Amino acid sequence: MDKALMQMKFKYVSHTADEAFIAYGPTFEAAIENAVLAMLGIALDTGKLSKGPGAPRSILIKEKAATMNELAWFILQDILTVRDARSIGAYKFDITKLSKDSKGYSISGKLWYKPLREDYMRTDIKAVPAYGLKVSEGKKGYSINAVIDI
């Protein structure tokens, strides 16, 4: 992975019917945080939302999985579900703990949000399909490729 790409948090890539992105990070944690940012940016104007009125609030998100691919998929899908179920304007995810043991990986973090307003909305996200998600490790860090069903 070249240095310029590692400084970039994510980039959107073309897809025939849905949205797609590649998120980058020097660590797996950073790549997941950037993947969440990319996904939320498809649905909402996260920059406008984070600077908008209302005090920031957070929800604890926890997941466990056997592989990094599964963990990234579970986190993205869980955040999408929480965002939709609570009708919140989620704009950032900060990982507080990532661990690995003989059973796999576990992660916990804070999903930051503010009240959702219509002028923040962009596109409705239906799901995060597992088929389009791939975690890769390179010499300079991690990347997460994802397709978002809209």
C-alpha atoms as a PDB file:
ATOM      1  CA  MET A   1       0.000   0.000   0.000  1.00  0.00           C
ATOM      2  CA  ASP A   2       1.537   3.324  -0.914  1.00  0.00           C
ATOM      3  CA  LYS A   3       2.061   6.151   1.583  1.00  0.00           C
ATOM      4  CA  ALA A   4      -0.485   8.511   0.008  1.00  0.00           C
ATOM      5  CA  LEU A   5      -3.236   5.917   0.347  1.00  0.00           C
ATOM      6  CA  MET A   6      -2.372   5.259   3.992  1.00  0.00           C
ATOM      7  CA  GLN A   7      -2.748   8.976   4.817  1.00  0.00           C
ATOM      8  CA  MET A   8      -6.214   8.906   3.237  1.00  0.00           C
ATOM      9  CA  LYS A   9      -8.931   7.580   5.560  1.00  0.00           C
ATOM     10  CA  PHE A  10     -11.040   6.111   2.763  1.00  0.00           C
ATOM     11  CA  LYS A  11     -12.055   6.500  -0.839  1.00  0.00           C
ATOM     12  CA  TYR A  12     -15.310   5.756  -2.583  1.00  0.00           C
ATOM     13  CA  VAL A  13     -15.028   3.479  -5.603  1.00  0.00           C
ATOM     14  CA  SER A  14     -17.469   2.874  -8.418  1.00  0.00           C
ATOM     15  CA  HIS A  15     -19.964   0.039  -8.231  1.00  0.00           C
ATOM     16  CA  THR A  16     -22.667  -0.874 -10.737  1.00  0.00           C
ATOM     17  CA  ALA A  17     -25.725  -0.780  -8.453  1.00  0.00           C
ATOM     18  CA  ASP A  18     -24.627   0.079  -4.927  1.00  0.00           C
ATOM     19  CA  GLU A  19     -22.021   2.164  -3.110  1.00  0.00           C
ATOM     20  CA  ALA A  20     -18.510   0.894  -2.379  1.00  0.00           C
ATOM     21  CA  PHE A  21     -15.436   2.110  -0.556  1.00  0.00           C
ATOM     22  CA  ILE A  22     -11.960   1.168   0.563  1.00  0.00           C
ATOM     23  CA  ALA A  23     -11.019   2.295   4.080  1.00  0.00           C
ATOM     24  CA  TYR A  24      -7.391   2.523   5.180  1.00  0.00           C
ATOM     25  CA  GLY A  25      -5.522   2.585   8.460  1.00  0.00           C
ATOM     26  CA  PRO A  26      -2.056   1.946   9.857  1.00  0.00           C
ATOM     27  CA  THR A  27      -3.769  -0.453  12.297  1.00  0.00           C
ATOM     28  CA  PHE A  28      -6.813  -2.699  12.038  1.00  0.00           C
ATOM     29  CA  GLU A  29      -8.572  -0.440  14.568  1.00  0.00           C
ATOM     30  CA  ALA A  30      -7.978   2.664  12.451  1.00  0.00           C
ATOM     31  CA  ALA A  31      -9.176   0.878   9.313  1.00  0.00           C
ATOM     32  CA  ILE A  32     -12.427  -0.122  11.055  1.00  0.00           C
ATOM     33  CA  GLU A  33     -13.001   3.410  12.368  1.00  0.00           C
ATOM     34  CA  ASN A  34     -12.447   4.758   8.852  1.00  0.00           C
ATOM     35  CA  ALA A  35     -14.748   2.115   7.334  1.00  0.00           C
ATOM     36  CA  VAL A  36     -17.501   3.220   9.712  1.00  0.00           C
ATOM     37  CA  LEU A  37     -16.841   6.844   8.754  1.00  0.00           C
ATOM     38  CA  ALA A  38     -17.083   5.949   5.049  1.00  0.00           C
ATOM     39  CA  MET A  39     -20.330   4.005   5.545  1.00  0.00           C
ATOM     40  CA  LEU A  40     -21.930   6.750   7.632  1.00  0.00           C
ATOM     41  CA  GLY A  41     -20.823   9.303   5.026  1.00  0.00           C
ATOM     42  CA  ILE A  42     -22.899   7.507   2.396  1.00  0.00           C
ATOM     43  CA  ALA A  43     -26.042   7.896   4.515  1.00  0.00           C
ATOM     44  CA  LEU A  44     -25.424  11.251   6.192  1.00  0.00           C
ATOM     45  CA  ASP A  45     -23.474  14.476   5.888  1.00  0.00           C
ATOM     46  CA  THR A  46     -21.240  13.532   8.823  1.00  0.00           C
ATOM     47  CA  GLY A  47     -19.218  16.771   8.703  1.00  0.00           C
ATOM     48  CA  LYS A  48     -22.318  18.930   8.979  1.00  0.00           C
ATOM     49  CA  LEU A  49     -23.823  16.598  11.582  1.00  0.00           C
ATOM     50  CA  SER A  50     -20.763  16.584  13.875  1.00  0.00           C
ATOM     51  CA  LYS A  51     -20.714  20.407  13.884  1.00  0.00           C
ATOM     52  CA  GLY A  52     -24.486  20.749  14.214  1.00  0.00           C
ATOM     53  CA  PRO A  53     -26.539  21.606  17.280  1.00  0.00           C
ATOM     54  CA  GLY A  54     -26.886  19.254  20.201  1.00  0.00           C
ATOM     55  CA  ALA A  55     -24.454  17.699  22.613  1.00  0.00           C
ATOM     56  CA  PRO A  56     -22.531  14.661  21.347  1.00  0.00           C
ATOM     57  CA  ARG A  57     -23.722  11.402  22.882  1.00  0.00           C
ATOM     58  CA  SER A  58     -22.392   7.872  22.569  1.00  0.00           C
ATOM     59  CA  ILE A  59     -23.603   4.280  22.530  1.00  0.00           C
ATOM     60  CA  LEU A  60     -21.370   1.343  23.410  1.00  0.00           C
ATOM     61  CA  ILE A  61     -20.992  -1.144  20.541  1.00  0.00           C
ATOM     62  CA  LYS A  62     -19.486  -4.603  21.181  1.00  0.00           C
ATOM     63  CA  GLU A  63     -18.886  -7.508  18.826  1.00  0.00           C
ATOM     64  CA  LYS A  64     -17.037 -10.823  18.703  1.00  0.00           C
ATOM     65  CA  ALA A  65     -16.001 -12.802  15.636  1.00  0.00           C
ATOM     66  CA  ALA A  66     -13.727 -15.601  14.544  1.00  0.00           C
ATOM     67  CA  THR A  67     -11.986 -13.576  11.807  1.00  0.00           C
ATOM     68  CA  MET A  68     -11.111  -9.964  10.999  1.00  0.00           C
ATOM     69  CA  ASN A  69     -13.452 -10.067   7.996  1.00  0.00           C
ATOM     70  CA  GLU A  70     -16.348 -11.193  10.170  1.00  0.00           C
ATOM     71  CA  LEU A  71     -15.522  -8.616  12.839  1.00  0.00           C
ATOM     72  CA  ALA A  72     -15.492  -5.737  10.341  1.00  0.00           C
ATOM     73  CA  TRP A  73     -18.761  -6.959   8.833  1.00  0.00           C
ATOM     74  CA  PHE A  74     -20.440  -7.404  12.244  1.00  0.00           C
ATOM     75  CA  ILE A  75     -19.382  -3.922  13.375  1.00  0.00           C
ATOM     76  CA  LEU A  76     -20.595  -2.194  10.207  1.00  0.00           C
ATOM     77  CA  GLN A  77     -23.903  -4.073  10.242  1.00  0.00           C
ATOM     78  CA  ASP A  78     -24.395  -3.515  13.986  1.00  0.00           C
ATOM     79  CA  ILE A  79     -23.776   0.231  13.682  1.00  0.00           C
ATOM     80  CA  LEU A  80     -26.201   0.440  10.767  1.00  0.00           C
ATOM     81  CA  THR A  81     -28.849  -1.430  12.793  1.00  0.00           C
ATOM     82  CA  VAL A  82     -28.387   0.742  15.903  1.00  0.00           C
ATOM     83  CA  ARG A  83     -28.481   3.917  13.811  1.00  0.00           C
ATOM     84  CA  ASP A  84     -31.703   2.879  12.086  1.00  0.00           C
ATOM     85  CA  ALA A  85     -33.448   1.451  15.169  1.00  0.00           C
ATOM     86  CA  ARG A  86     -32.784   4.562  17.252  1.00  0.00           C
ATOM     87  CA  SER A  87     -33.109   7.101  14.402  1.00  0.00           C
ATOM     88  CA  ILE A  88     -29.882   8.817  15.407  1.00  0.00           C
ATOM     89  CA  GLY A  89     -27.376  10.880  13.495  1.00  0.00           C
ATOM     90  CA  ALA A  90     -24.288   8.726  13.991  1.00  0.00           C
ATOM     91  CA  TYR A  91     -21.110  10.351  12.726  1.00  0.00           C
ATOM     92  CA  LYS A  92     -18.066   8.597  14.265  1.00  0.00           C
ATOM     93  CA  PHE A  93     -16.897   5.370  15.901  1.00  0.00           C
ATOM     94  CA  ASP A  94     -14.004   5.281  18.373  1.00  0.00           C
ATOM     95  CA  ILE A  95     -12.623   1.877  19.292  1.00  0.00           C
ATOM     96  CA  THR A  96     -11.859   1.564  22.982  1.00  0.00           C
ATOM     97  CA  LYS A  97     -10.666  -2.055  22.982  1.00  0.00           C
ATOM     98  CA  LEU A  98      -9.665  -4.693  20.448  1.00  0.00           C
ATOM     99  CA  SER A  99      -8.407  -8.060  21.578  1.00  0.00           C
ATOM    100  CA  LYS A 100      -7.594 -11.450  20.119  1.00  0.00           C
ATOM    101  CA  ASP A 101      -7.639 -14.839  21.812  1.00  0.00           C
ATOM    102  CA  SER A 102      -7.940 -18.480  20.788  1.00  0.00           C
ATOM    103  CA  LYS A 103     -11.630 -18.007  19.880  1.00  0.00           C
ATOM    104  CA  GLY A 104     -11.069 -14.983  17.658  1.00  0.00           C
ATOM    105  CA  TYR A 105     -11.473 -11.242  18.033  1.00  0.00           C
ATOM    106  CA  SER A 106     -13.542  -8.965  20.238  1.00  0.00           C
ATOM    107  CA  ILE A 107     -14.041  -5.248  19.908  1.00  0.00           C
ATOM    108  CA  SER A 108     -15.794  -2.489  21.777  1.00  0.00           C
ATOM    109  CA  GLY A 109     -16.125   1.171  21.041  1.00  0.00           C
ATOM    110  CA  LYS A 110     -18.264   4.277  21.216  1.00  0.00           C
ATOM    111  CA  LEU A 111     -20.609   5.258  18.416  1.00  0.00           C
ATOM    112  CA  TRP A 112     -20.936   9.045  18.559  1.00  0.00           C
ATOM    113  CA  TYR A 113     -24.196  10.665  17.515  1.00  0.00           C
ATOM    114  CA  LYS A 114     -26.424  13.731  17.660  1.00  0.00           C
ATOM    115  CA  PRO A 115     -30.116  14.157  16.949  1.00  0.00           C
ATOM    116  CA  LEU A 116     -30.946  13.253  13.361  1.00  0.00           C
ATOM    117  CA  ARG A 117     -32.264  16.042  11.145  1.00  0.00           C
ATOM    118  CA  GLU A 118     -33.587  15.687   7.636  1.00  0.00           C
ATOM    119  CA  ASP A 119     -31.042  18.126   6.187  1.00  0.00           C
ATOM    120  CA  TYR A 120     -28.230  15.722   7.228  1.00  0.00           C
ATOM    121  CA  MET A 121     -29.637  12.797   5.243  1.00  0.00           C
ATOM    122  CA  ARG A 122     -28.140  11.639   1.941  1.00  0.00           C
ATOM    123  CA  THR A 123     -28.930   8.033   0.975  1.00  0.00           C
ATOM    124  CA  ASP A 124     -30.819   5.213   2.656  1.00  0.00           C
ATOM    125  CA  ILE A 125     -28.584   2.214   3.397  1.00  0.00           C
ATOM    126  CA  LYS A 126     -30.313  -1.179   3.330  1.00  0.00           C
ATOM    127  CA  ALA A 127     -27.476  -3.449   4.458  1.00  0.00           C
ATOM    128  CA  VAL A 128     -23.791  -4.274   4.509  1.00  0.00           C
ATOM    129  CA  PRO A 129     -23.487  -7.524   2.543  1.00  0.00           C
ATOM    130  CA  ALA A 130     -20.778  -9.927   3.630  1.00  0.00           C
ATOM    131  CA  TYR A 131     -19.930 -10.841   0.029  1.00  0.00           C
ATOM    132  CA  GLY A 132     -18.329  -7.491  -0.736  1.00  0.00           C
ATOM    133  CA  LEU A 133     -16.314  -7.102   2.441  1.00  0.00           C
ATOM    134  CA  LYS A 134     -12.627  -7.901   2.603  1.00  0.00           C
ATOM    135  CA  VAL A 135      -9.938  -7.000   5.141  1.00  0.00           C
ATOM    136  CA  SER A 136      -6.366  -6.943   3.837  1.00  0.00           C
ATOM    137  CA  GLU A 137      -3.073  -6.397   5.627  1.00  0.00           C
ATOM    138  CA  GLY A 138      -0.144  -4.842   3.787  1.00  0.00           C
ATOM    139  CA  LYS A 139       3.319  -3.599   4.690  1.00  0.00           C
ATOM    140  CA  LYS A 140       2.001  -0.183   5.711  1.00  0.00           C
ATOM    141  CA  GLY A 141      -1.292  -1.109   7.324  1.00  0.00           C
ATOM    142  CA  TYR A 142      -4.775  -2.417   6.682  1.00  0.00           C
ATOM    143  CA  SER A 143      -7.500  -1.826   4.145  1.00  0.00           C
ATOM    144  CA  ILE A 144     -11.173  -2.754   4.237  1.00  0.00           C
ATOM    145  CA  ASN A 145     -13.115  -3.074   0.988  1.00  0.00           C
ATOM    146  CA  ALA A 146     -16.894  -2.913   1.391  1.00  0.00           C
ATOM    147  CA  VAL A 147     -20.014  -2.757  -0.745  1.00  0.00           C
ATOM    148  CA  ILE A 148     -23.012  -0.992   0.781  1.00  0.00           C
ATOM    149  CA  ASP A 149     -26.482  -2.008  -0.384  1.00  0.00           C
ATOM    150  CA  ILE A 150     -28.558   1.121  -1.036  1.00  0.00           C
END
